[in-house]
Structures are given as C-alpha cells and as structure tokens.
Amino acid sequence: GAGIGFACVLLVMLIASINYNLSLGHALVFLLAGSAAASMLHAFRNLFGLAIRPGRCAPVFCGDTVNFQVLVANPHARRRPALRLSALEQSVTFEAAAGDETAVGLPCPSMRRGWLTMGRSVIETRWPLGLIQAWSVFVPDVRCLVFPAPEPDPPALPTGGDGAREA
C-alpha cells in the first residue's frame, strides 16, 4: 500500500515537472525513485542468508497460551533489524544480532486439545524506509501438545471409605 502510493506520488510529480519544465522537480523525482530502488535492495539483503530452525515448545493446558519457539541464525557480520515473524494470525517483531542465533517466541492461543502445529509461517521486513515489503514463507516442524484443561472447581477428595481400614 505505501509503496504503490509512493509510486503514484512520484508519477504525479514527474508529470508536473515535465509540464512546468522544472529541472529541480525532475531531480527530486529521480532522487526519490533511486532511494526507493535502494530500499528494495536493502529489504532483500535484510532477509538474505538467515537460517531458520525449529525450537522447543513446552506442553500447555487447553485455553493457555502456546509459546512456539523458532531459532533464527544470522551468520553475517551485520545486524538484521525490523524482522517480523507471523503464524496462526499472530505476529512478533524482533531483531537478529550480528553473528548470533536469536530465539523468537510466538505466543498463540490454544483452543482445542491435541497436537497444535505452527503451520505456514512468514518472516518479513519493511526495513529501511517502509516502502517495500520483503518476505519468505516457510513451514517449520514445530508442534505443541495441548492437554485437556483441568476442572476449574473440582469436588473434594473422598475421606475414608468402605475399603479403608483404620488401625
């Protein structure tokens, strides 16, 4: 959306610069178009070379929040700012440090018991100007066991009974 709006504004500025023969208008249009092209390159480089591995996920009770873990390794000597991980209609923003592995936790609600998989996930960035969105789709092998929820107000345990002997 932002990139298309920016392109439309550049087109209107170019037409106005041609119509009124404004050389500084031409310079501004091409300067802004060049910075948008550089933004495409930087957005692509922000995702290039990242290694993504599945992490561990602790079991939870139904109705609790599942914390899916994904490990993002950045082998390069530059940091990767403004990354976003999205899955199961949830998203989290993080940054990958230079030459380090970052554990990213994605909190998701659990609505039913059984195995809950992370499924189709997207890692994306809009860095540096927010005009261009670069993304990559992956399906990690991450799943979490969701146990049945315990009864909120359980009855009291029985005390003594027919089968119990007193000494």
N, C-alpha and C. Protein backbone atom coordinates (compact mmCIF):
# COMPACT_ATOMS: atom_id res chain seq x y z
N GLY A 1 0.81 -1.20 0.00
CA GLY A 1 0.00 0.00 0.00
C GLY A 1 0.85 1.26 0.00
N ALA A 2 1.83 1.32 0.89
CA ALA A 2 2.67 2.51 0.98
C ALA A 2 3.53 2.66 -0.27
N GLY A 3 4.02 1.56 -0.80
CA GLY A 3 4.86 1.62 -2.00
C GLY A 3 4.07 2.06 -3.23
N ILE A 4 2.84 1.58 -3.35
CA ILE A 4 2.01 1.97 -4.50
C ILE A 4 1.64 3.45 -4.40
N GLY A 5 1.31 3.90 -3.20
CA GLY A 5 1.02 5.32 -3.01
C GLY A 5 2.23 6.19 -3.32
N PHE A 6 3.40 5.72 -2.89
CA PHE A 6 4.64 6.46 -3.17
C PHE A 6 4.89 6.53 -4.68
N ALA A 7 4.66 5.42 -5.40
CA ALA A 7 4.85 5.41 -6.85
C ALA A 7 3.87 6.35 -7.54
N CYS A 8 2.63 6.42 -7.07
CA CYS A 8 1.65 7.34 -7.65
C CYS A 8 2.06 8.79 -7.43
N VAL A 9 2.55 9.10 -6.24
CA VAL A 9 3.01 10.47 -5.95
C VAL A 9 4.19 10.82 -6.85
N LEU A 10 5.13 9.87 -7.04
CA LEU A 10 6.26 10.12 -7.93
C LEU A 10 5.80 10.37 -9.36
N LEU A 11 4.81 9.62 -9.82
CA LEU A 11 4.29 9.80 -11.17
C LEU A 11 3.65 11.18 -11.33
N VAL A 12 2.88 11.61 -10.36
CA VAL A 12 2.26 12.94 -10.42
C VAL A 12 3.33 14.02 -10.39
N MET A 13 4.36 13.84 -9.55
CA MET A 13 5.45 14.82 -9.51
C MET A 13 6.21 14.88 -10.83
N LEU A 14 6.41 13.71 -11.46
CA LEU A 14 7.10 13.69 -12.75
C LEU A 14 6.29 14.39 -13.82
N ILE A 15 4.98 14.14 -13.85
CA ILE A 15 4.13 14.81 -14.85
C ILE A 15 4.12 16.32 -14.63
N ALA A 16 4.05 16.74 -13.37
CA ALA A 16 4.08 18.18 -13.07
C ALA A 16 5.43 18.79 -13.45
N SER A 17 6.51 18.06 -13.22
CA SER A 17 7.84 18.57 -13.57
C SER A 17 8.00 18.68 -15.08
N ILE A 18 7.46 17.73 -15.82
CA ILE A 18 7.52 17.80 -17.29
C ILE A 18 6.65 18.94 -17.80
N ASN A 19 5.46 19.07 -17.22
CA ASN A 19 4.52 20.10 -17.67
C ASN A 19 5.06 21.51 -17.44
N TYR A 20 5.63 21.75 -16.27
CA TYR A 20 6.12 23.09 -15.94
C TYR A 20 7.61 23.25 -16.19
N ASN A 21 8.26 22.25 -16.77
CA ASN A 21 9.67 22.29 -17.12
C ASN A 21 10.53 22.67 -15.90
N LEU A 22 10.34 21.89 -14.81
CA LEU A 22 11.06 22.13 -13.57
C LEU A 22 12.23 21.15 -13.46
N SER A 23 13.43 21.64 -13.63
CA SER A 23 14.58 20.74 -13.57
C SER A 23 14.81 20.24 -12.14
N LEU A 24 14.56 21.07 -11.13
CA LEU A 24 14.70 20.61 -9.75
C LEU A 24 13.61 19.59 -9.40
N GLY A 25 12.46 19.69 -10.03
CA GLY A 25 11.40 18.69 -9.85
C GLY A 25 11.83 17.35 -10.40
N HIS A 26 12.46 17.38 -11.60
CA HIS A 26 12.99 16.14 -12.18
C HIS A 26 14.03 15.52 -11.24
N ALA A 27 14.91 16.35 -10.72
CA ALA A 27 15.97 15.86 -9.83
C ALA A 27 15.37 15.23 -8.57
N LEU A 28 14.34 15.87 -8.01
CA LEU A 28 13.71 15.34 -6.81
C LEU A 28 13.01 14.00 -7.10
N VAL A 29 12.31 13.92 -8.23
CA VAL A 29 11.62 12.67 -8.59
C VAL A 29 12.62 11.53 -8.74
N PHE A 30 13.70 11.76 -9.46
CA PHE A 30 14.66 10.69 -9.69
C PHE A 30 15.47 10.36 -8.43
N LEU A 31 15.69 11.36 -7.59
CA LEU A 31 16.35 11.08 -6.31
C LEU A 31 15.46 10.19 -5.43
N LEU A 32 14.18 10.50 -5.35
CA LEU A 32 13.26 9.68 -4.55
C LEU A 32 13.08 8.29 -5.15
N ALA A 33 13.03 8.19 -6.47
CA ALA A 33 12.91 6.88 -7.13
C ALA A 33 14.17 6.05 -6.88
N GLY A 34 15.33 6.67 -6.90
CA GLY A 34 16.57 5.96 -6.61
C GLY A 34 16.62 5.47 -5.17
N SER A 35 16.12 6.28 -4.24
CA SER A 35 16.11 5.83 -2.84
C SER A 35 15.11 4.69 -2.64
N ALA A 36 14.01 4.68 -3.40
CA ALA A 36 13.08 3.55 -3.33
C ALA A 36 13.72 2.28 -3.90
N ALA A 37 14.48 2.41 -4.97
CA ALA A 37 15.19 1.24 -5.54
C ALA A 37 16.24 0.73 -4.56
N ALA A 38 16.93 1.62 -3.89
CA ALA A 38 17.91 1.20 -2.87
C ALA A 38 17.21 0.54 -1.69
N SER A 39 16.00 1.00 -1.37
CA SER A 39 15.22 0.38 -0.30
C SER A 39 14.86 -1.05 -0.64
N MET A 40 14.57 -1.34 -1.93
CA MET A 40 14.30 -2.72 -2.34
C MET A 40 15.50 -3.62 -2.08
N LEU A 41 16.67 -3.13 -2.44
CA LEU A 41 17.89 -3.91 -2.25
C LEU A 41 18.15 -4.17 -0.77
N HIS A 42 17.99 -3.15 0.07
CA HIS A 42 18.25 -3.32 1.50
C HIS A 42 17.22 -4.24 2.15
N ALA A 43 15.97 -4.18 1.72
CA ALA A 43 14.95 -5.08 2.28
C ALA A 43 15.27 -6.52 1.92
N PHE A 44 15.70 -6.77 0.69
CA PHE A 44 16.09 -8.12 0.29
C PHE A 44 17.30 -8.60 1.08
N ARG A 45 18.31 -7.73 1.23
CA ARG A 45 19.53 -8.11 1.96
C ARG A 45 19.27 -8.34 3.44
N ASN A 46 18.21 -7.74 3.98
CA ASN A 46 17.89 -7.92 5.39
C ASN A 46 17.42 -9.36 5.66
N LEU A 47 16.84 -10.03 4.67
CA LEU A 47 16.39 -11.42 4.84
C LEU A 47 17.38 -12.44 4.29
N PHE A 48 18.25 -12.02 3.37
CA PHE A 48 19.13 -12.95 2.68
C PHE A 48 20.13 -13.60 3.64
N GLY A 49 20.19 -14.92 3.61
CA GLY A 49 21.17 -15.66 4.40
C GLY A 49 20.74 -16.04 5.79
N LEU A 50 19.53 -15.70 6.21
CA LEU A 50 19.07 -16.11 7.53
C LEU A 50 18.77 -17.60 7.52
N ALA A 51 19.14 -18.29 8.58
CA ALA A 51 18.85 -19.72 8.74
C ALA A 51 17.79 -19.88 9.83
N ILE A 52 16.73 -20.60 9.52
CA ILE A 52 15.62 -20.76 10.45
C ILE A 52 15.51 -22.24 10.83
N ARG A 53 15.48 -22.51 12.16
CA ARG A 53 15.33 -23.86 12.67
C ARG A 53 14.20 -23.89 13.68
N PRO A 54 13.55 -25.05 13.82
CA PRO A 54 12.51 -25.15 14.85
C PRO A 54 13.12 -25.20 16.24
N GLY A 55 12.41 -24.68 17.20
CA GLY A 55 12.86 -24.71 18.59
C GLY A 55 11.97 -25.64 19.41
N ARG A 56 12.06 -25.53 20.72
CA ARG A 56 11.26 -26.38 21.60
C ARG A 56 9.98 -25.66 21.98
N CYS A 57 8.98 -26.46 22.32
CA CYS A 57 7.70 -25.90 22.74
C CYS A 57 7.19 -26.71 23.93
N ALA A 58 6.99 -26.06 25.04
CA ALA A 58 6.52 -26.74 26.24
C ALA A 58 5.02 -27.04 26.14
N PRO A 59 4.58 -28.20 26.63
CA PRO A 59 3.15 -28.51 26.59
C PRO A 59 2.36 -27.58 27.51
N VAL A 60 1.11 -27.32 27.13
CA VAL A 60 0.25 -26.41 27.89
C VAL A 60 -1.13 -27.05 28.05
N PHE A 61 -1.96 -26.44 28.88
CA PHE A 61 -3.35 -26.85 29.01
C PHE A 61 -4.20 -26.07 28.02
N CYS A 62 -5.31 -26.66 27.63
CA CYS A 62 -6.23 -26.02 26.68
C CYS A 62 -6.70 -24.68 27.25
N GLY A 63 -6.67 -23.65 26.43
CA GLY A 63 -7.04 -22.30 26.86
C GLY A 63 -5.85 -21.45 27.25
N ASP A 64 -4.69 -22.07 27.50
CA ASP A 64 -3.48 -21.32 27.82
C ASP A 64 -2.80 -20.86 26.54
N THR A 65 -1.78 -20.06 26.67
CA THR A 65 -1.04 -19.55 25.52
C THR A 65 0.15 -20.46 25.22
N VAL A 66 0.24 -20.89 23.97
CA VAL A 66 1.35 -21.70 23.50
C VAL A 66 2.46 -20.76 23.06
N ASN A 67 3.69 -21.04 23.44
CA ASN A 67 4.82 -20.21 23.03
C ASN A 67 5.68 -21.03 22.06
N PHE A 68 5.41 -20.87 20.76
CA PHE A 68 6.20 -21.55 19.74
C PHE A 68 7.57 -20.90 19.66
N GLN A 69 8.63 -21.70 19.63
CA GLN A 69 9.99 -21.16 19.54
C GLN A 69 10.57 -21.48 18.16
N VAL A 70 11.14 -20.46 17.53
CA VAL A 70 11.85 -20.60 16.27
C VAL A 70 13.22 -19.97 16.46
N LEU A 71 14.27 -20.67 16.02
CA LEU A 71 15.63 -20.15 16.16
C LEU A 71 16.06 -19.55 14.83
N VAL A 72 16.41 -18.28 14.84
CA VAL A 72 16.84 -17.56 13.63
C VAL A 72 18.33 -17.26 13.78
N ALA A 73 19.13 -17.86 12.90
CA ALA A 73 20.59 -17.66 12.95
C ALA A 73 21.01 -16.65 11.89
N ASN A 74 21.82 -15.69 12.30
CA ASN A 74 22.36 -14.68 11.40
C ASN A 74 23.87 -14.88 11.32
N PRO A 75 24.38 -15.56 10.28
CA PRO A 75 25.81 -15.83 10.21
C PRO A 75 26.65 -14.64 9.75
N HIS A 76 26.03 -13.58 9.29
CA HIS A 76 26.77 -12.44 8.74
C HIS A 76 27.18 -11.46 9.84
N ALA A 77 28.06 -10.55 9.49
CA ALA A 77 28.62 -9.60 10.46
C ALA A 77 27.80 -8.32 10.58
N ARG A 78 26.57 -8.32 10.13
CA ARG A 78 25.72 -7.13 10.30
C ARG A 78 24.40 -7.55 10.94
N ARG A 79 23.84 -6.68 11.74
CA ARG A 79 22.59 -7.00 12.41
C ARG A 79 21.44 -6.92 11.43
N ARG A 80 20.35 -7.58 11.74
CA ARG A 80 19.15 -7.59 10.90
C ARG A 80 18.00 -6.97 11.69
N PRO A 81 17.74 -5.68 11.50
CA PRO A 81 16.68 -5.02 12.27
C PRO A 81 15.30 -5.22 11.63
N ALA A 82 14.28 -4.95 12.40
CA ALA A 82 12.89 -4.86 11.95
C ALA A 82 12.40 -6.11 11.23
N LEU A 83 12.62 -7.28 11.81
CA LEU A 83 12.09 -8.53 11.25
C LEU A 83 10.78 -8.85 11.95
N ARG A 84 9.87 -9.49 11.23
CA ARG A 84 8.58 -9.87 11.79
C ARG A 84 8.30 -11.32 11.45
N LEU A 85 7.91 -12.10 12.45
CA LEU A 85 7.51 -13.50 12.27
C LEU A 85 6.01 -13.59 12.48
N SER A 86 5.30 -14.19 11.52
CA SER A 86 3.85 -14.31 11.60
C SER A 86 3.44 -15.75 11.36
N ALA A 87 2.49 -16.22 12.17
CA ALA A 87 1.90 -17.55 12.02
C ALA A 87 0.63 -17.61 12.86
N LEU A 88 -0.33 -18.40 12.42
CA LEU A 88 -1.59 -18.59 13.15
C LEU A 88 -2.24 -17.27 13.54
N GLU A 89 -2.23 -16.30 12.64
CA GLU A 89 -2.82 -14.97 12.83
C GLU A 89 -2.19 -14.20 13.98
N GLN A 90 -0.98 -14.57 14.38
CA GLN A 90 -0.23 -13.85 15.41
C GLN A 90 1.09 -13.40 14.79
N SER A 91 1.67 -12.34 15.32
CA SER A 91 2.96 -11.89 14.82
C SER A 91 3.78 -11.29 15.95
N VAL A 92 5.10 -11.34 15.75
CA VAL A 92 6.03 -10.78 16.73
C VAL A 92 7.17 -10.13 15.95
N THR A 93 7.63 -8.98 16.43
CA THR A 93 8.73 -8.25 15.81
C THR A 93 10.00 -8.51 16.61
N PHE A 94 11.12 -8.70 15.91
CA PHE A 94 12.38 -8.98 16.58
C PHE A 94 13.53 -8.48 15.73
N GLU A 95 14.73 -8.60 16.27
CA GLU A 95 15.96 -8.20 15.59
C GLU A 95 16.98 -9.32 15.77
N ALA A 96 17.70 -9.64 14.71
CA ALA A 96 18.75 -10.68 14.77
C ALA A 96 20.11 -10.00 14.90
N ALA A 97 20.81 -10.31 15.96
CA ALA A 97 22.13 -9.72 16.20
C ALA A 97 23.15 -10.29 15.22
N ALA A 98 24.22 -9.57 15.01
CA ALA A 98 25.26 -9.98 14.07
C ALA A 98 25.98 -11.23 14.56
N GLY A 99 26.06 -12.24 13.71
CA GLY A 99 26.79 -13.47 14.02
C GLY A 99 26.22 -14.25 15.19
N ASP A 100 24.93 -14.15 15.45
CA ASP A 100 24.33 -14.78 16.61
C ASP A 100 23.05 -15.50 16.22
N GLU A 101 22.57 -16.35 17.12
CA GLU A 101 21.31 -17.05 16.91
C GLU A 101 20.29 -16.49 17.89
N THR A 102 19.13 -16.10 17.39
CA THR A 102 18.09 -15.48 18.19
C THR A 102 16.93 -16.45 18.34
N ALA A 103 16.48 -16.66 19.58
CA ALA A 103 15.29 -17.47 19.83
C ALA A 103 14.08 -16.55 19.83
N VAL A 104 13.16 -16.80 18.92
CA VAL A 104 11.97 -15.98 18.78
C VAL A 104 10.78 -16.77 19.28
N GLY A 105 10.07 -16.23 20.25
CA GLY A 105 8.88 -16.87 20.79
C GLY A 105 7.63 -16.24 20.20
N LEU A 106 6.75 -17.07 19.65
CA LEU A 106 5.50 -16.60 19.06
C LEU A 106 4.34 -17.09 19.91
N PRO A 107 3.73 -16.21 20.73
CA PRO A 107 2.61 -16.65 21.57
C PRO A 107 1.33 -16.80 20.75
N CYS A 108 0.68 -17.96 20.89
CA CYS A 108 -0.56 -18.26 20.17
C CYS A 108 -1.55 -18.88 21.15
N PRO A 109 -2.84 -18.56 21.04
CA PRO A 109 -3.82 -19.19 21.92
C PRO A 109 -4.09 -20.63 21.51
N SER A 110 -4.38 -21.48 22.50
CA SER A 110 -4.75 -22.87 22.20
C SER A 110 -6.24 -23.03 22.48
N MET A 111 -6.98 -23.41 21.45
CA MET A 111 -8.43 -23.50 21.58
C MET A 111 -8.93 -24.94 21.71
N ARG A 112 -8.11 -25.91 21.29
CA ARG A 112 -8.53 -27.31 21.39
C ARG A 112 -7.34 -28.14 21.82
N ARG A 113 -7.64 -29.30 22.37
CA ARG A 113 -6.57 -30.17 22.87
C ARG A 113 -6.00 -31.01 21.73
N GLY A 114 -4.85 -31.59 21.97
CA GLY A 114 -4.18 -32.40 20.96
C GLY A 114 -2.91 -31.71 20.50
N TRP A 115 -2.42 -32.13 19.33
CA TRP A 115 -1.21 -31.52 18.78
C TRP A 115 -1.57 -30.24 18.03
N LEU A 116 -0.92 -29.15 18.37
CA LEU A 116 -1.10 -27.87 17.69
C LEU A 116 0.19 -27.58 16.91
N THR A 117 0.07 -27.46 15.60
CA THR A 117 1.26 -27.18 14.77
C THR A 117 1.32 -25.71 14.42
N MET A 118 2.52 -25.24 14.19
CA MET A 118 2.73 -23.83 13.84
C MET A 118 2.27 -23.57 12.41
N GLY A 119 2.45 -24.53 11.53
CA GLY A 119 1.96 -24.42 10.16
C GLY A 119 2.73 -23.41 9.33
N ARG A 120 2.03 -22.87 8.34
CA ARG A 120 2.63 -21.92 7.39
C ARG A 120 3.02 -20.63 8.12
N SER A 121 4.27 -20.27 8.03
CA SER A 121 4.80 -19.09 8.72
C SER A 121 5.45 -18.16 7.72
N VAL A 122 5.50 -16.89 8.06
CA VAL A 122 6.08 -15.88 7.18
C VAL A 122 7.06 -15.05 8.00
N ILE A 123 8.26 -14.86 7.45
CA ILE A 123 9.21 -13.91 8.03
C ILE A 123 9.32 -12.77 7.03
N GLU A 124 9.18 -11.56 7.51
CA GLU A 124 9.14 -10.40 6.60
C GLU A 124 9.86 -9.21 7.21
N THR A 125 10.15 -8.24 6.35
CA THR A 125 10.76 -7.00 6.79
C THR A 125 10.30 -5.87 5.87
N ARG A 126 10.22 -4.68 6.42
CA ARG A 126 9.93 -3.47 5.65
C ARG A 126 11.05 -2.45 5.85
N TRP A 127 12.17 -2.94 6.29
CA TRP A 127 13.30 -2.06 6.57
C TRP A 127 13.98 -1.67 5.27
N PRO A 128 14.48 -0.50 5.01
CA PRO A 128 14.71 0.62 5.91
C PRO A 128 13.65 1.73 5.85
N LEU A 129 12.93 1.88 4.74
CA LEU A 129 12.02 3.02 4.61
C LEU A 129 10.55 2.68 4.81
N GLY A 130 10.20 1.41 4.81
CA GLY A 130 8.81 1.01 4.95
C GLY A 130 8.03 1.02 3.65
N LEU A 131 8.71 1.27 2.53
CA LEU A 131 8.02 1.31 1.24
C LEU A 131 7.88 -0.08 0.62
N ILE A 132 8.87 -0.93 0.83
CA ILE A 132 8.93 -2.24 0.20
C ILE A 132 8.84 -3.31 1.27
N GLN A 133 8.07 -4.37 1.00
CA GLN A 133 7.97 -5.49 1.92
C GLN A 133 8.64 -6.70 1.28
N ALA A 134 9.66 -7.23 1.94
CA ALA A 134 10.32 -8.46 1.50
C ALA A 134 9.90 -9.55 2.47
N TRP A 135 9.57 -10.74 1.96
CA TRP A 135 9.10 -11.81 2.82
C TRP A 135 9.56 -13.16 2.31
N SER A 136 9.48 -14.14 3.19
CA SER A 136 9.77 -15.52 2.85
C SER A 136 8.80 -16.40 3.62
N VAL A 137 8.26 -17.41 2.94
CA VAL A 137 7.30 -18.32 3.54
C VAL A 137 8.01 -19.64 3.85
N PHE A 138 7.75 -20.20 5.02
CA PHE A 138 8.34 -21.48 5.40
C PHE A 138 7.36 -22.21 6.31
N VAL A 139 7.54 -23.53 6.42
CA VAL A 139 6.71 -24.36 7.28
C VAL A 139 7.63 -25.10 8.25
N PRO A 140 7.80 -24.57 9.47
CA PRO A 140 8.70 -25.23 10.42
C PRO A 140 8.05 -26.48 11.03
N ASP A 141 8.89 -27.41 11.44
CA ASP A 141 8.41 -28.64 12.07
C ASP A 141 8.31 -28.40 13.58
N VAL A 142 7.39 -27.52 13.97
CA VAL A 142 7.19 -27.17 15.37
C VAL A 142 5.76 -27.54 15.73
N ARG A 143 5.63 -28.29 16.81
CA ARG A 143 4.29 -28.61 17.29
C ARG A 143 4.30 -28.64 18.81
N CYS A 144 3.12 -28.47 19.38
CA CYS A 144 2.99 -28.39 20.83
C CYS A 144 1.83 -29.28 21.25
N LEU A 145 2.01 -29.97 22.36
CA LEU A 145 0.97 -30.82 22.90
C LEU A 145 0.10 -29.99 23.84
N VAL A 146 -1.21 -30.00 23.56
CA VAL A 146 -2.17 -29.25 24.37
C VAL A 146 -3.00 -30.26 25.15
N PHE A 147 -2.84 -30.25 26.48
CA PHE A 147 -3.57 -31.17 27.35
C PHE A 147 -4.98 -30.64 27.61
N PRO A 148 -5.92 -31.52 27.99
CA PRO A 148 -7.25 -31.03 28.39
C PRO A 148 -7.13 -30.13 29.61
N ALA A 149 -7.95 -29.12 29.66
CA ALA A 149 -7.90 -28.18 30.78
C ALA A 149 -8.43 -28.85 32.04
N PRO A 150 -7.77 -28.63 33.17
CA PRO A 150 -8.27 -29.21 34.42
C PRO A 150 -9.59 -28.54 34.82
N GLU A 151 -10.38 -29.25 35.59
CA GLU A 151 -11.66 -28.71 36.05
C GLU A 151 -11.41 -27.51 36.95
N PRO A 152 -12.11 -26.39 36.71
CA PRO A 152 -11.81 -25.19 37.49
C PRO A 152 -12.15 -25.32 38.98
N ASP A 153 -13.25 -25.99 39.32
CA ASP A 153 -13.63 -26.14 40.73
C ASP A 153 -13.90 -27.62 41.00
N PRO A 154 -12.84 -28.41 41.20
CA PRO A 154 -13.04 -29.85 41.35
C PRO A 154 -13.71 -30.18 42.69
N PRO A 155 -14.44 -31.31 42.74
CA PRO A 155 -15.03 -31.72 44.02
C PRO A 155 -13.92 -32.17 44.98
N ALA A 156 -14.26 -32.17 46.25
CA ALA A 156 -13.28 -32.56 47.27
C ALA A 156 -12.97 -34.05 47.15
N LEU A 157 -11.75 -34.42 47.55
CA LEU A 157 -11.37 -35.82 47.54
C LEU A 157 -12.14 -36.57 48.62
N PRO A 158 -12.45 -37.82 48.36
CA PRO A 158 -13.20 -38.57 49.38
C PRO A 158 -12.31 -38.82 50.61
N THR A 159 -12.93 -38.82 51.78
CA THR A 159 -12.21 -39.11 53.02
C THR A 159 -12.70 -40.43 53.54
N GLY A 160 -11.78 -41.38 53.80
CA GLY A 160 -12.17 -42.69 54.31
C GLY A 160 -13.23 -43.33 53.43
N GLY A 161 -13.44 -44.53 53.50
CA GLY A 161 -14.46 -45.18 52.68
C GLY A 161 -14.65 -46.60 53.15
N ASP A 162 -15.42 -47.32 52.39
CA ASP A 162 -15.71 -48.70 52.76
C ASP A 162 -14.46 -49.56 52.70
N GLY A 163 -13.58 -49.31 51.74
CA GLY A 163 -12.40 -50.14 51.56
C GLY A 163 -11.24 -49.73 52.44
N ALA A 164 -11.36 -48.66 53.21
CA ALA A 164 -10.25 -48.17 54.03
C ALA A 164 -10.33 -48.79 55.42
N ARG A 165 -9.21 -49.23 55.96
CA ARG A 165 -9.16 -49.79 57.32
C ARG A 165 -8.46 -48.80 58.24
N GLU A 166 -8.97 -48.74 59.43
CA GLU A 166 -8.32 -47.89 60.41
C GLU A 166 -7.59 -48.79 61.39
N ALA A 167 -6.39 -48.43 61.77
CA ALA A 167 -5.62 -49.28 62.68
C ALA A 167 -5.75 -48.84 64.10
